[in-house]
C-alpha atoms as a PDB file:
ATOM      1  CA  UNK A   1       0.049   0.142  -0.120  1.00  0.00           C
ATOM      2  CA  UNK A   2       1.330   3.416  -1.092  1.00  0.00           C
ATOM      3  CA  UNK A   3       1.822   6.237   1.642  1.00  0.00           C
ATOM      4  CA  UNK A   4       2.421   9.788   0.706  1.00  0.00           C
ATOM      5  CA  UNK A   5       5.511  11.001   2.857  1.00  0.00           C
ATOM      6  CA  UNK A   6       5.307  14.682   3.379  1.00  0.00           C
ATOM      7  CA  UNK A   7       6.847  17.375   5.359  1.00  0.00           C
ATOM      8  CA  UNK A   8       6.978  21.011   5.627  1.00  0.00           C
ATOM      9  CA  UNK A   9       7.050  22.981   2.414  1.00  0.00           C
ATOM     10  CA  UNK A  10      10.455  24.125   3.241  1.00  0.00           C
ATOM     11  CA  UNK A  11      12.031  20.852   2.790  1.00  0.00           C
ATOM     12  CA  UNK A  12      13.504  20.674  -0.563  1.00  0.00           C
ATOM     13  CA  UNK A  13      12.462  16.774  -1.232  1.00  0.00           C
ATOM     14  CA  UNK A  14       9.453  15.413  -0.650  1.00  0.00           C
ATOM     15  CA  UNK A  15       8.879  11.684  -1.969  1.00  0.00           C
ATOM     16  CA  UNK A  16       6.573   8.963  -1.871  1.00  0.00           C
ATOM     17  CA  UNK A  17       7.369   5.102  -0.768  1.00  0.00           C
ATOM     18  CA  UNK A  18       5.492   1.934   0.403  1.00  0.00           C
ATOM     19  CA  UNK A  19       4.736   1.917   3.556  1.00  0.00           C
ATOM     20  CA  UNK A  20       3.697  -0.790   5.872  1.00  0.00           C
ATOM     21  CA  UNK A  21      -0.077  -1.243   5.935  1.00  0.00           C
ATOM     22  CA  UNK A  22      -1.210  -1.398   9.781  1.00  0.00           C
ATOM     23  CA  UNK A  23      -3.863  -3.458   8.758  1.00  0.00           C
ATOM     24  CA  UNK A  24      -2.436  -5.800   6.347  1.00  0.00           C
ATOM     25  CA  UNK A  25      -3.545  -8.831   7.899  1.00  0.00           C
ATOM     26  CA  UNK A  26      -6.889  -8.144   8.567  1.00  0.00           C
ATOM     27  CA  UNK A  27      -9.558  -9.820   6.251  1.00  0.00           C
ATOM     28  CA  UNK A  28     -12.352  -7.373   7.391  1.00  0.00           C
ATOM     29  CA  UNK A  29     -10.416  -4.591   5.879  1.00  0.00           C
ATOM     30  CA  UNK A  30      -9.882  -5.972   2.819  1.00  0.00           C
ATOM     31  CA  UNK A  31     -13.676  -6.403   2.547  1.00  0.00           C
ATOM     32  CA  UNK A  32     -14.492  -3.210   3.501  1.00  0.00           C
ATOM     33  CA  UNK A  33     -12.133  -1.625   0.498  1.00  0.00           C
ATOM     34  CA  UNK A  34     -13.600  -4.142  -1.505  1.00  0.00           C
ATOM     35  CA  UNK A  35     -16.943  -2.235  -0.902  1.00  0.00           C
ATOM     36  CA  UNK A  36     -15.595   0.882  -0.877  1.00  0.00           C
ATOM     37  CA  UNK A  37     -13.689   0.892  -4.079  1.00  0.00           C
ATOM     38  CA  UNK A  38     -15.791  -0.142  -7.602  1.00  0.00           C
ATOM     39  CA  UNK A  39     -14.422  -3.547  -8.543  1.00  0.00           C
ATOM     40  CA  UNK A  40     -14.808  -3.193 -12.374  1.00  0.00           C
ATOM     41  CA  UNK A  41     -12.224  -3.546 -14.678  1.00  0.00           C
ATOM     42  CA  UNK A  42     -10.743  -0.168 -15.767  1.00  0.00           C
ATOM     43  CA  UNK A  43     -11.560  -0.864 -19.408  1.00  0.00           C
ATOM     44  CA  UNK A  44     -15.115  -1.067 -19.063  1.00  0.00           C
ATOM     45  CA  UNK A  45     -15.889   2.266 -17.482  1.00  0.00           C
ATOM     46  CA  UNK A  46     -15.334   5.594 -18.009  1.00  0.00           C
ATOM     47  CA  UNK A  47     -11.950   7.074 -16.330  1.00  0.00           C
ATOM     48  CA  UNK A  48     -12.596   9.576 -13.653  1.00  0.00           C
ATOM     49  CA  UNK A  49     -11.571  12.822 -13.899  1.00  0.00           C
ATOM     50  CA  UNK A  50     -10.179  14.598 -11.007  1.00  0.00           C
ATOM     51  CA  UNK A  51      -9.025  18.382 -10.130  1.00  0.00           C
ATOM     52  CA  UNK A  52      -5.985  18.096  -8.388  1.00  0.00           C
ATOM     53  CA  UNK A  53      -4.701  21.538  -6.710  1.00  0.00           C
ATOM     54  CA  UNK A  54      -1.822  21.262  -5.231  1.00  0.00           C
ATOM     55  CA  UNK A  55       1.102  24.376  -5.266  1.00  0.00           C
ATOM     56  CA  UNK A  56       4.325  22.027  -4.184  1.00  0.00           C
ATOM     57  CA  UNK A  57       5.967  20.639  -7.835  1.00  0.00           C
ATOM     58  CA  UNK A  58       7.354  17.255  -6.245  1.00  0.00           C
ATOM     59  CA  UNK A  59       4.101  16.493  -4.133  1.00  0.00           C
ATOM     60  CA  UNK A  60       1.816  17.580  -7.100  1.00  0.00           C
ATOM     61  CA  UNK A  61       3.583  15.040  -9.306  1.00  0.00           C
ATOM     62  CA  UNK A  62       3.580  12.254  -6.551  1.00  0.00           C
ATOM     63  CA  UNK A  63      -0.034  12.354  -6.298  1.00  0.00           C
ATOM     64  CA  UNK A  64      -0.791  12.470  -9.939  1.00  0.00           C
ATOM     65  CA  UNK A  65       1.446   9.074 -10.737  1.00  0.00           C
ATOM     66  CA  UNK A  66      -0.296   7.366  -7.327  1.00  0.00           C
ATOM     67  CA  UNK A  67      -3.595   8.624  -8.328  1.00  0.00           C
ATOM     68  CA  UNK A  68      -3.552   7.479 -11.912  1.00  0.00           C
ATOM     69  CA  UNK A  69      -2.401   4.077 -11.016  1.00  0.00           C
ATOM     70  CA  UNK A  70      -5.995   3.460  -9.580  1.00  0.00           C
ATOM     71  CA  UNK A  71      -7.364   4.340 -13.262  1.00  0.00           C
ATOM     72  CA  UNK A  72      -8.118   7.940 -12.573  1.00  0.00           C
ATOM     73  CA  UNK A  73      -7.619  10.611 -15.038  1.00  0.00           C
ATOM     74  CA  UNK A  74      -5.627  13.680 -13.105  1.00  0.00           C
ATOM     75  CA  UNK A  75      -5.774  17.250 -14.094  1.00  0.00           C
ATOM     76  CA  UNK A  76      -3.271  19.294 -11.798  1.00  0.00           C
ATOM     77  CA  UNK A  77      -2.771  22.933 -11.137  1.00  0.00           C
ATOM     78  CA  UNK A  78      -0.658  24.813  -8.563  1.00  0.00           C
ATOM     79  CA  UNK A  79      -2.567  28.234  -8.553  1.00  0.00           C
ATOM     80  CA  UNK A  80      -5.802  29.277  -7.655  1.00  0.00           C
ATOM     81  CA  UNK A  81      -6.321  31.130 -10.975  1.00  0.00           C
ATOM     82  CA  UNK A  82      -5.396  28.100 -12.891  1.00  0.00           C
ATOM     83  CA  UNK A  83      -7.882  25.965 -10.952  1.00  0.00           C
ATOM     84  CA  UNK A  84     -10.695  28.459 -11.765  1.00  0.00           C
ATOM     85  CA  UNK A  85      -9.975  28.383 -15.256  1.00  0.00           C
ATOM     86  CA  UNK A  86      -9.801  24.589 -15.608  1.00  0.00           C
ATOM     87  CA  UNK A  87     -13.082  24.215 -13.409  1.00  0.00           C
ATOM     88  CA  UNK A  88     -14.832  26.725 -15.889  1.00  0.00           C
ATOM     89  CA  UNK A  89     -13.663  24.840 -18.993  1.00  0.00           C
ATOM     90  CA  UNK A  90     -13.430  21.165 -18.053  1.00  0.00           C
ATOM     91  CA  UNK A  91     -15.904  18.822 -16.493  1.00  0.00           C
ATOM     92  CA  UNK A  92     -14.793  16.901 -13.386  1.00  0.00           C
ATOM     93  CA  UNK A  93     -16.145  14.330 -11.297  1.00  0.00           C
ATOM     94  CA  UNK A  94     -13.734  15.042  -8.181  1.00  0.00           C
ATOM     95  CA  UNK A  95     -11.986  17.999  -6.963  1.00  0.00           C
ATOM     96  CA  UNK A  96      -9.065  17.612  -4.330  1.00  0.00           C
ATOM     97  CA  UNK A  97      -7.648  20.925  -2.596  1.00  0.00           C
ATOM     98  CA  UNK A  98      -4.748  21.812  -0.789  1.00  0.00           C
ATOM     99  CA  UNK A  99      -5.591  24.703   1.697  1.00  0.00           C
ATOM    100  CA  UNK A 100      -2.625  27.055   1.316  1.00  0.00           C
ATOM    101  CA  UNK A 101      -1.265  27.629  -2.650  1.00  0.00           C
ATOM    102  CA  UNK A 102       1.744  29.895  -2.473  1.00  0.00           C
ATOM    103  CA  UNK A 103       1.250  33.016  -0.712  1.00  0.00           C
ATOM    104  CA  UNK A 104      -2.327  32.511  -0.593  1.00  0.00           C
ATOM    105  CA  UNK A 105      -2.992  31.164   2.822  1.00  0.00           C
ATOM    106  CA  UNK A 106      -6.844  29.960   2.463  1.00  0.00           C
ATOM    107  CA  UNK A 107      -6.922  29.801  -1.495  1.00  0.00           C
ATOM    108  CA  UNK A 108      -8.289  26.474  -0.831  1.00  0.00           C
ATOM    109  CA  UNK A 109     -11.199  27.593   1.135  1.00  0.00           C
ATOM    110  CA  UNK A 110     -11.859  30.271  -1.571  1.00  0.00           C
ATOM    111  CA  UNK A 111     -11.907  27.535  -4.291  1.00  0.00           C
ATOM    112  CA  UNK A 112     -13.947  25.246  -2.385  1.00  0.00           C
ATOM    113  CA  UNK A 113     -16.505  27.951  -1.934  1.00  0.00           C
ATOM    114  CA  UNK A 114     -16.743  28.876  -5.369  1.00  0.00           C
ATOM    115  CA  UNK A 115     -16.648  25.531  -6.967  1.00  0.00           C
ATOM    116  CA  UNK A 116     -19.586  24.486  -4.405  1.00  0.00           C
ATOM    117  CA  UNK A 117     -21.758  27.692  -5.527  1.00  0.00           C
ATOM    118  CA  UNK A 118     -21.235  26.393  -9.395  1.00  0.00           C
ATOM    119  CA  UNK A 119     -21.915  22.741  -8.759  1.00  0.00           C
ATOM    120  CA  UNK A 120     -23.976  21.673  -6.101  1.00  0.00           C
ATOM    121  CA  UNK A 121     -23.304  18.085  -6.281  1.00  0.00           C
ATOM    122  CA  UNK A 122     -19.512  17.627  -7.169  1.00  0.00           C
ATOM    123  CA  UNK A 123     -17.543  16.116  -4.572  1.00  0.00           C
ATOM    124  CA  UNK A 124     -14.507  17.951  -3.315  1.00  0.00           C
ATOM    125  CA  UNK A 125     -12.000  16.840  -0.921  1.00  0.00           C
ATOM    126  CA  UNK A 126      -9.272  18.772   0.910  1.00  0.00           C
ATOM    127  CA  UNK A 127      -5.794  16.902   1.140  1.00  0.00           C
ATOM    128  CA  UNK A 128      -3.742  19.285   3.454  1.00  0.00           C
ATOM    129  CA  UNK A 129      -1.295  19.654   5.842  1.00  0.00           C
ATOM    130  CA  UNK A 130      -3.189  21.719   8.005  1.00  0.00           C
ATOM    131  CA  UNK A 131      -5.123  19.771  10.249  1.00  0.00           C
ATOM    132  CA  UNK A 132      -6.140  22.290  12.959  1.00  0.00           C
ATOM    133  CA  UNK A 133      -9.791  21.923  14.268  1.00  0.00           C
ATOM    134  CA  UNK A 134     -10.678  25.178  13.049  1.00  0.00           C
ATOM    135  CA  UNK A 135      -9.437  24.626   9.514  1.00  0.00           C
ATOM    136  CA  UNK A 136     -11.209  21.282   9.200  1.00  0.00           C
ATOM    137  CA  UNK A 137     -14.466  22.783  10.623  1.00  0.00           C
ATOM    138  CA  UNK A 138     -14.027  25.815   8.062  1.00  0.00           C
ATOM    139  CA  UNK A 139     -13.520  23.491   4.960  1.00  0.00           C
ATOM    140  CA  UNK A 140     -16.634  21.198   5.487  1.00  0.00           C
ATOM    141  CA  UNK A 141     -18.716  24.451   6.455  1.00  0.00           C
ATOM    142  CA  UNK A 142     -17.776  25.713   3.200  1.00  0.00           C
ATOM    143  CA  UNK A 143     -19.231  22.620   1.418  1.00  0.00           C
ATOM    144  CA  UNK A 144     -16.261  20.242   1.141  1.00  0.00           C
ATOM    145  CA  UNK A 145     -17.153  16.421   1.499  1.00  0.00           C
ATOM    146  CA  UNK A 146     -14.140  15.177   3.337  1.00  0.00           C
ATOM    147  CA  UNK A 147     -11.070  17.166   5.062  1.00  0.00           C
ATOM    148  CA  UNK A 148      -7.876  14.696   5.024  1.00  0.00           C
ATOM    149  CA  UNK A 149      -4.173  14.843   5.914  1.00  0.00           C
ATOM    150  CA  UNK A 150      -1.724  14.113   3.529  1.00  0.00           C
ATOM    151  CA  UNK A 151      -0.478  11.309   5.381  1.00  0.00           C
ATOM    152  CA  UNK A 152      -3.291   9.205   3.906  1.00  0.00           C
ATOM    153  CA  UNK A 153      -2.229   6.181   1.618  1.00  0.00           C
ATOM    154  CA  UNK A 154      -3.761   6.569  -1.911  1.00  0.00           C
ATOM    155  CA  UNK A 155      -5.980   3.524  -1.463  1.00  0.00           C
ATOM    156  CA  UNK A 156      -7.755   5.007   1.283  1.00  0.00           C
ATOM    157  CA  UNK A 157      -8.180   8.329  -0.729  1.00  0.00           C
ATOM    158  CA  UNK A 158      -9.534   6.359  -3.963  1.00  0.00           C
ATOM    159  CA  UNK A 159     -11.882   4.464  -1.105  1.00  0.00           C
ATOM    160  CA  UNK A 160     -13.206   7.917  -0.633  1.00  0.00           C
ATOM    161  CA  UNK A 161     -13.147   9.092  -4.195  1.00  0.00           C
ATOM    162  CA  UNK A 162     -15.359   6.184  -5.413  1.00  0.00           C
ATOM    163  CA  UNK A 163     -17.949   6.439  -2.718  1.00  0.00           C
ATOM    164  CA  UNK A 164     -18.764   9.885  -3.219  1.00  0.00           C
ATOM    165  CA  UNK A 165     -18.810   9.535  -6.780  1.00  0.00           C
ATOM    166  CA  UNK A 166     -21.226   6.819  -6.054  1.00  0.00           C
ATOM    167  CA  UNK A 167     -23.062   9.197  -3.887  1.00  0.00           C
ATOM    168  CA  UNK A 168     -23.639  11.751  -6.733  1.00  0.00           C
ATOM    169  CA  UNK A 169     -24.531   9.363  -9.268  1.00  0.00           C
ATOM    170  CA  UNK A 170     -27.394   8.165  -6.959  1.00  0.00           C
ATOM    171  CA  UNK A 171     -28.621  11.672  -6.482  1.00  0.00           C
ATOM    172  CA  UNK A 172     -28.318  12.498 -10.159  1.00  0.00           C
ATOM    173  CA  UNK A 173     -29.656   9.300 -11.460  1.00  0.00           C
ATOM    174  CA  UNK A 174     -33.221   9.873  -9.504  1.00  0.00           C
ATOM    175  CA  UNK A 175     -32.503   6.851  -7.730  1.00  0.00           C
ATOM    176  CA  UNK A 176     -32.805   8.517  -4.433  1.00  0.00           C
ATOM    177  CA  UNK A 177     -36.068   7.164  -3.557  1.00  0.00           C
ATOM    178  CA  UNK A 178     -34.960   3.512  -3.958  1.00  0.00           C
ATOM    179  CA  UNK A 179     -32.046   4.061  -2.189  1.00  0.00           C
ATOM    180  CA  UNK A 180     -33.795   5.583   0.692  1.00  0.00           C
ATOM    181  CA  UNK A 181     -36.266   2.317   0.816  1.00  0.00           C
ATOM    182  CA  UNK A 182     -33.170   0.330   0.930  1.00  0.00           C
ATOM    183  CA  UNK A 183     -31.784   2.251   3.996  1.00  0.00           C
ATOM    184  CA  UNK A 184     -31.147   0.534   7.394  1.00  0.00           C
ATOM    185  CA  UNK A 185     -32.810   2.026  10.595  1.00  0.00           C
ATOM    186  CA  UNK A 186     -31.083   1.838  13.638  1.00  0.00           C
ATOM    187  CA  UNK A 187     -33.265   2.493  16.641  1.00  0.00           C
ATOM    188  CA  UNK A 188     -36.032   4.549  16.415  1.00  0.00           C
ATOM    189  CA  UNK A 189     -34.352   7.510  15.297  1.00  0.00           C
ATOM    190  CA  UNK A 190     -31.385   7.147  13.269  1.00  0.00           C
ATOM    191  CA  UNK A 191     -31.433   6.039   9.631  1.00  0.00           C
ATOM    192  CA  UNK A 192     -28.059   4.957   7.678  1.00  0.00           C
ATOM    193  CA  UNK A 193     -28.173   5.742   4.070  1.00  0.00           C
ATOM    194  CA  UNK A 194     -25.358   3.318   2.618  1.00  0.00           C
ATOM    195  CA  UNK A 195     -25.877   4.066  -1.156  1.00  0.00           C
ATOM    196  CA  UNK A 196     -25.877   7.983  -0.547  1.00  0.00           C
ATOM    197  CA  UNK A 197     -23.378   7.607   2.473  1.00  0.00           C
ATOM    198  CA  UNK A 198     -25.840   9.677   4.322  1.00  0.00           C
ATOM    199  CA  UNK A 199     -26.872   9.798   7.679  1.00  0.00           C
ATOM    200  CA  UNK A 200     -30.659  10.881   8.939  1.00  0.00           C
ATOM    201  CA  UNK A 201     -31.801  11.894  12.468  1.00  0.00           C
ATOM    202  CA  UNK A 202     -35.659  11.827  13.028  1.00  0.00           C
ATOM    203  CA  UNK A 203     -35.811  12.011   8.998  1.00  0.00           C
ATOM    204  CA  UNK A 204     -33.324  15.186   8.826  1.00  0.00           C
ATOM    205  CA  UNK A 205     -29.637  14.859   7.206  1.00  0.00           C
ATOM    206  CA  UNK A 206     -26.866  15.180   9.155  1.00  0.00           C
ATOM    207  CA  UNK A 207     -24.175  17.409   8.139  1.00  0.00           C
ATOM    208  CA  UNK A 208     -21.157  14.769   8.477  1.00  0.00           C
ATOM    209  CA  UNK A 209     -18.326  14.392   6.210  1.00  0.00           C
ATOM    210  CA  UNK A 210     -17.530  10.942   4.612  1.00  0.00           C
ATOM    211  CA  UNK A 211     -15.391  10.080   7.169  1.00  0.00           C
ATOM    212  CA  UNK A 212     -17.795  10.774  10.196  1.00  0.00           C
ATOM    213  CA  UNK A 213     -20.498   9.080   8.314  1.00  0.00           C
ATOM    214  CA  UNK A 214     -18.087   5.961   8.474  1.00  0.00           C
ATOM    215  CA  UNK A 215     -17.466   6.817  12.203  1.00  0.00           C
ATOM    216  CA  UNK A 216     -21.063   6.942  13.044  1.00  0.00           C
ATOM    217  CA  UNK A 217     -22.151   3.625  10.768  1.00  0.00           C
ATOM    218  CA  UNK A 218     -19.486   1.555  12.886  1.00  0.00           C
ATOM    219  CA  UNK A 219     -20.572   2.797  16.097  1.00  0.00           C
ATOM    220  CA  UNK A 220     -24.243   1.983  15.360  1.00  0.00           C
ATOM    221  CA  UNK A 221     -23.615  -1.313  13.499  1.00  0.00           C
ATOM    222  CA  UNK A 222     -21.745  -2.508  16.498  1.00  0.00           C
ATOM    223  CA  UNK A 223     -24.237  -0.688  19.166  1.00  0.00           C
ATOM    224  CA  UNK A 224     -23.449  -1.703  22.822  1.00  0.00           C
ATOM    225  CA  UNK A 225     -19.986  -2.805  22.060  1.00  0.00           C
ATOM    226  CA  UNK A 226     -16.949  -0.286  22.855  1.00  0.00           C
ATOM    227  CA  UNK A 227     -15.257   0.808  19.634  1.00  0.00           C
ATOM    228  CA  UNK A 228     -11.667   1.645  20.327  1.00  0.00           C
ATOM    229  CA  UNK A 229      -9.863   4.520  18.386  1.00  0.00           C
ATOM    230  CA  UNK A 230      -8.300   1.856  16.026  1.00  0.00           C
ATOM    231  CA  UNK A 231     -11.602   0.248  15.574  1.00  0.00           C
ATOM    232  CA  UNK A 232     -12.722   3.476  14.554  1.00  0.00           C
ATOM    233  CA  UNK A 233      -9.617   4.438  12.214  1.00  0.00           C
ATOM    234  CA  UNK A 234     -10.146   1.364  10.443  1.00  0.00           C
ATOM    235  CA  UNK A 235     -13.763   1.785   9.713  1.00  0.00           C
ATOM    236  CA  UNK A 236     -13.084   5.031   8.288  1.00  0.00           C
ATOM    237  CA  UNK A 237      -9.996   4.128   6.488  1.00  0.00           C
ATOM    238  CA  UNK A 238      -7.689   6.501   8.167  1.00  0.00           C
ATOM    239  CA  UNK A 239      -4.301   6.231  10.296  1.00  0.00           C
ATOM    240  CA  UNK A 240      -4.556   9.535  12.381  1.00  0.00           C
ATOM    241  CA  UNK A 241      -3.845  10.629  16.127  1.00  0.00           C
ATOM    242  CA  UNK A 242      -6.605   9.208  18.488  1.00  0.00           C
ATOM    243  CA  UNK A 243      -7.377  13.155  19.174  1.00  0.00           C
ATOM    244  CA  UNK A 244      -8.616  13.381  15.431  1.00  0.00           C
ATOM    245  CA  UNK A 245     -11.186  10.783  16.400  1.00  0.00           C
ATOM    246  CA  UNK A 246     -12.195  12.725  19.319  1.00  0.00           C
ATOM    247  CA  UNK A 247     -12.945  15.795  17.021  1.00  0.00           C
ATOM    248  CA  UNK A 248     -14.784  13.657  14.539  1.00  0.00           C
ATOM    249  CA  UNK A 249     -17.188  12.185  17.573  1.00  0.00           C
ATOM    250  CA  UNK A 250     -17.412  16.022  18.847  1.00  0.00           C
ATOM    251  CA  UNK A 251     -18.629  16.718  15.024  1.00  0.00           C
ATOM    252  CA  UNK A 252     -21.059  13.750  15.066  1.00  0.00           C
ATOM    253  CA  UNK A 253     -22.737  14.377  18.593  1.00  0.00           C
ATOM    254  CA  UNK A 254     -22.854  18.275  17.518  1.00  0.00           C
ATOM    255  CA  UNK A 255     -24.779  17.551  14.214  1.00  0.00           C
ATOM    256  CA  UNK A 256     -27.099  15.311  16.167  1.00  0.00           C
ATOM    257  CA  UNK A 257     -27.622  17.829  18.832  1.00  0.00           C
ATOM    258  CA  UNK A 258     -28.588  20.741  16.437  1.00  0.00           C
ATOM    259  CA  UNK A 259     -31.794  18.478  16.043  1.00  0.00           C
ATOM    260  CA  UNK A 260     -31.905  16.817  19.520  1.00  0.00           C
ATOM    261  CA  UNK A 261     -30.312  19.037  22.320  1.00  0.00           C
ATOM    262  CA  UNK A 262     -30.018  16.210  24.585  1.00  0.00           C
ATOM    263  CA  UNK A 263     -28.644  13.579  22.179  1.00  0.00           C
ATOM    264  CA  UNK A 264     -26.866  11.145  24.635  1.00  0.00           C
ATOM    265  CA  UNK A 265     -26.300   7.950  22.660  1.00  0.00           C
ATOM    266  CA  UNK A 266     -22.782   8.234  21.939  1.00  0.00           C
ATOM    267  CA  UNK A 267     -21.108   7.242  25.382  1.00  0.00           C
ATOM    268  CA  UNK A 268     -17.379   7.840  25.987  1.00  0.00           C
ATOM    269  CA  UNK A 269     -15.970   4.817  27.839  1.00  0.00           C
ATOM    270  CA  UNK A 270     -12.541   6.429  29.534  1.00  0.00           C
ATOM    271  CA  UNK A 271      -9.433   4.893  28.163  1.00  0.00           C
ATOM    272  CA  UNK A 272     -11.306   2.333  25.861  1.00  0.00           C
ATOM    273  CA  UNK A 273     -13.143   4.184  23.212  1.00  0.00           C
ATOM    274  CA  UNK A 274     -16.940   4.808  22.357  1.00  0.00           C
ATOM    275  CA  UNK A 275     -19.901   3.071  22.778  1.00  0.00           C
ATOM    276  CA  UNK A 276     -23.428   3.491  20.949  1.00  0.00           C
ATOM    277  CA  UNK A 277     -26.723   3.279  23.211  1.00  0.00           C
ATOM    278  CA  UNK A 278     -29.767   3.913  21.826  1.00  0.00           C
ATOM    279  CA  UNK A 279     -32.121   5.843  24.110  1.00  0.00           C
ATOM    280  CA  UNK A 280     -35.431   5.984  23.384  1.00  0.00           C
END
């Protein structure tokens, strides 16, 4: 499994190399990735087009090489102006953005907002070294579908790309009602729609990133069981610091508390993890 190896943009050399897969012995992970990634021969489907906006020349080339190996067509841009021009003149299935581009500290946020205004459904993913909570919240509020660290593996990134494309295709195909009919209800208030990768609380859609959806789905699938931060990383196809899982749990709780202020179904189990307890 490839791993993007990054460091500060002040460094002269940035490379990528194979990395040990922390879950390589897990058959469960393999099954999960098979679910997430469309297992279709590349010559039988249209190659998906990705707009990749990254200002570091070496990283941009590394991303292009790795993602192209997953049968994606990559159009790269280094500046905000080039990205805007490309978006206006070409059609893309997914956009991947860095936050800081050159001397423009929040260029990626501006691009996200503009792209979302022009195309309501296009999947937008932030792939960035800026992993502060405030940045993550800003990106999601501006319309991004996920906010990821550059340490994510290409396999996990492609899993997200395909899951988001599948969501958009369902929405645009007019199959939303059919997908909703196949949704799984958890308890009396939560509905999980796997086809759309969306969750609903009391019938209202929850404002969750794809990572957060996968974490919530894992919690409710194993209702009553304590799920460790490692379990939740595994479910969300990420390897991050435990504190990042804490932030995602907080965001899930806050999304539901907008509808039900006294929501308390996600229990914190000290030094162990989290547990879903459906309370009527």
